[in-house]
């Protein structure tokens, strides 16, 4: 699977999301879009990452920027996670890993000595014309949302 290319059109998607809707890249025409992929709802790192983006949401909105979180969790699980942490943005359910594969975030991971295929925490910044402007892979949560905000400001 090829990786998305910087300064080229971002891979399209059309997935079920919170709020009883399906969302695709074209729904964000004329807006910048931050897409962050994370392993699992209600885990410490994923919760903190979502809260950090939530806390910067109003500032990002002023910069014509939307946020989407993506994991393999179901929409029902996403709805609970979103409500519990008051996320003002939608979460996409990528159960079949279509979007994860298009963005090349499914990687071999290890936990407790076992290997498995899972989502590598990654973030993508897409500009108003639909081009991929920046990507962060193997994301460390601390300070990440602030770094993304600075990248949006630099667009």
Protein backbone atom coordinates (compact mmCIF):
# COMPACT_ATOMS: atom_id res chain seq x y z
CA UNK A 1 0.00 0.00 0.00
CA UNK A 2 1.46 3.36 -0.96
CA UNK A 3 1.67 6.18 1.53
CA UNK A 4 -0.21 9.41 0.98
CA UNK A 5 2.04 12.02 -0.64
CA UNK A 6 2.72 15.47 0.76
CA UNK A 7 1.39 18.31 -1.42
CA UNK A 8 -0.82 15.86 -3.36
CA UNK A 9 -4.55 15.19 -3.02
CA UNK A 10 -5.30 13.45 0.27
CA UNK A 11 -6.88 9.98 0.04
CA UNK A 12 -10.66 10.19 0.02
CA UNK A 13 -12.82 8.45 2.60
CA UNK A 14 -16.50 7.86 3.24
CA UNK A 15 -17.19 6.37 6.66
CA UNK A 16 -19.87 6.22 9.33
CA UNK A 17 -19.37 8.87 12.01
CA UNK A 18 -20.82 10.09 15.25
CA UNK A 19 -24.05 12.05 14.91
CA UNK A 20 -25.70 9.39 12.72
CA UNK A 21 -23.91 10.51 9.56
CA UNK A 22 -21.40 9.43 6.98
CA UNK A 23 -18.51 11.79 6.33
CA UNK A 24 -16.15 12.07 3.38
CA UNK A 25 -13.30 14.35 2.39
CA UNK A 26 -15.59 16.45 0.17
CA UNK A 27 -17.65 17.40 3.25
CA UNK A 28 -14.69 19.55 4.33
CA UNK A 29 -14.20 21.48 1.10
CA UNK A 30 -13.01 25.03 1.83
CA UNK A 31 -11.82 24.04 5.31
CA UNK A 32 -8.51 22.78 6.62
CA UNK A 33 -8.86 19.32 8.12
CA UNK A 34 -6.90 17.56 10.85
CA UNK A 35 -7.37 13.81 10.78
CA UNK A 36 -5.90 11.96 13.70
CA UNK A 37 -5.76 8.17 13.84
CA UNK A 38 -5.62 6.56 17.26
CA UNK A 39 -5.68 2.94 18.48
CA UNK A 40 -8.71 2.71 20.78
CA UNK A 41 -11.40 4.74 22.55
CA UNK A 42 -11.20 5.07 26.33
CA UNK A 43 -7.51 4.23 26.65
CA UNK A 44 -5.24 6.70 28.46
CA UNK A 45 -3.19 8.01 25.51
CA UNK A 46 -6.15 8.18 23.14
CA UNK A 47 -8.29 9.97 25.71
CA UNK A 48 -5.57 12.54 26.42
CA UNK A 49 -4.99 13.13 22.69
CA UNK A 50 -8.71 13.71 22.10
CA UNK A 51 -8.92 16.06 25.08
CA UNK A 52 -5.92 18.04 23.82
CA UNK A 53 -7.56 18.52 20.41
CA UNK A 54 -10.85 19.37 22.16
CA UNK A 55 -9.12 22.07 24.19
CA UNK A 56 -7.73 23.69 21.02
CA UNK A 57 -10.92 23.29 18.98
CA UNK A 58 -12.18 26.88 19.28
CA UNK A 59 -8.79 28.22 18.25
CA UNK A 60 -8.66 25.83 15.29
CA UNK A 61 -12.19 26.84 14.26
CA UNK A 62 -11.03 30.46 14.00
CA UNK A 63 -8.46 29.18 11.48
CA UNK A 64 -11.17 27.45 9.35
CA UNK A 65 -10.02 24.05 10.56
CA UNK A 66 -12.04 20.96 11.48
CA UNK A 67 -10.89 17.83 13.31
CA UNK A 68 -11.77 14.18 12.80
CA UNK A 69 -10.67 11.30 15.01
CA UNK A 70 -10.44 7.83 13.44
CA UNK A 71 -10.18 4.39 14.99
CA UNK A 72 -11.58 0.91 14.41
CA UNK A 73 -14.11 1.29 17.25
CA UNK A 74 -17.82 1.15 16.41
CA UNK A 75 -19.91 4.32 16.07
CA UNK A 76 -21.78 3.32 19.24
CA UNK A 77 -18.52 3.16 21.23
CA UNK A 78 -17.44 6.45 19.60
CA UNK A 79 -20.70 8.16 20.63
CA UNK A 80 -20.09 7.25 24.28
CA UNK A 81 -16.41 8.31 24.13
CA UNK A 82 -17.32 11.62 22.46
CA UNK A 83 -20.08 12.38 24.97
CA UNK A 84 -18.02 11.39 28.01
CA UNK A 85 -15.15 13.73 27.06
CA UNK A 86 -17.27 16.45 25.39
CA UNK A 87 -15.45 16.26 22.07
CA UNK A 88 -16.87 18.98 19.78
CA UNK A 89 -15.67 17.11 16.66
CA UNK A 90 -16.77 13.86 15.04
CA UNK A 91 -15.19 10.44 15.28
CA UNK A 92 -15.13 8.06 12.31
CA UNK A 93 -15.54 4.30 12.59
CA UNK A 94 -13.12 2.46 10.30
CA UNK A 95 -14.01 -1.11 11.22
CA UNK A 96 -12.78 -2.50 7.88
CA UNK A 97 -9.56 -0.43 8.03
CA UNK A 98 -10.21 1.11 4.58
CA UNK A 99 -9.21 4.61 5.61
CA UNK A 100 -6.42 3.31 7.87
CA UNK A 101 -4.92 1.47 4.90
CA UNK A 102 -5.36 4.45 2.56
CA UNK A 103 -3.36 6.57 5.01
CA UNK A 104 -0.93 3.71 5.74
CA UNK A 105 -1.36 3.71 9.51
CA UNK A 106 -1.82 -0.04 10.10
CA UNK A 107 1.53 -1.27 11.40
CA UNK A 108 3.00 -4.27 13.16
CA UNK A 109 2.97 -3.50 16.88
CA UNK A 110 4.14 -5.31 19.99
CA UNK A 111 2.55 -5.44 23.42
CA UNK A 112 3.49 -7.80 26.23
CA UNK A 113 5.73 -9.71 23.81
CA UNK A 114 2.90 -10.36 21.33
CA UNK A 115 2.89 -8.98 17.81
CA UNK A 116 -0.29 -7.73 16.17
CA UNK A 117 -1.44 -5.34 13.46
CA UNK A 118 -2.77 -2.09 14.90
CA UNK A 119 -3.16 1.62 14.30
CA UNK A 120 0.02 3.63 14.62
CA UNK A 121 -0.93 6.96 16.20
CA UNK A 122 -0.71 9.38 13.26
CA UNK A 123 -2.06 12.81 12.30
CA UNK A 124 -2.57 14.39 8.89
CA UNK A 125 -3.16 18.03 8.01
CA UNK A 126 -5.13 18.64 4.82
CA UNK A 127 -5.53 22.15 3.43
CA UNK A 128 -8.66 23.79 1.99
CA UNK A 129 -7.88 22.50 -1.49
CA UNK A 130 -7.76 18.88 -0.27
CA UNK A 131 -3.97 18.54 -0.40
CA UNK A 132 -2.00 16.79 2.29
CA UNK A 133 0.25 19.45 3.82
CA UNK A 134 1.80 17.69 6.77
CA UNK A 135 1.86 14.32 8.48
CA UNK A 136 2.99 13.13 11.87
CA UNK A 137 3.67 9.43 12.41
CA UNK A 138 4.51 7.53 15.60
CA UNK A 139 2.94 10.43 17.48
CA UNK A 140 3.76 11.02 21.13
CA UNK A 141 0.68 12.62 22.70
CA UNK A 142 2.40 15.20 24.93
CA UNK A 143 2.56 18.52 23.06
CA UNK A 144 1.28 17.02 19.80
CA UNK A 145 -1.98 19.00 19.49
CA UNK A 146 -0.04 22.25 20.05
CA UNK A 147 2.40 21.27 17.30
CA UNK A 148 -0.52 20.63 14.92
CA UNK A 149 -2.03 24.02 15.81
CA UNK A 150 1.27 25.72 14.90
CA UNK A 151 1.29 23.88 11.56
CA UNK A 152 -2.27 25.09 10.84
CA UNK A 153 -1.24 28.66 11.64
CA UNK A 154 1.65 28.31 9.15
CA UNK A 155 -0.64 27.28 6.24
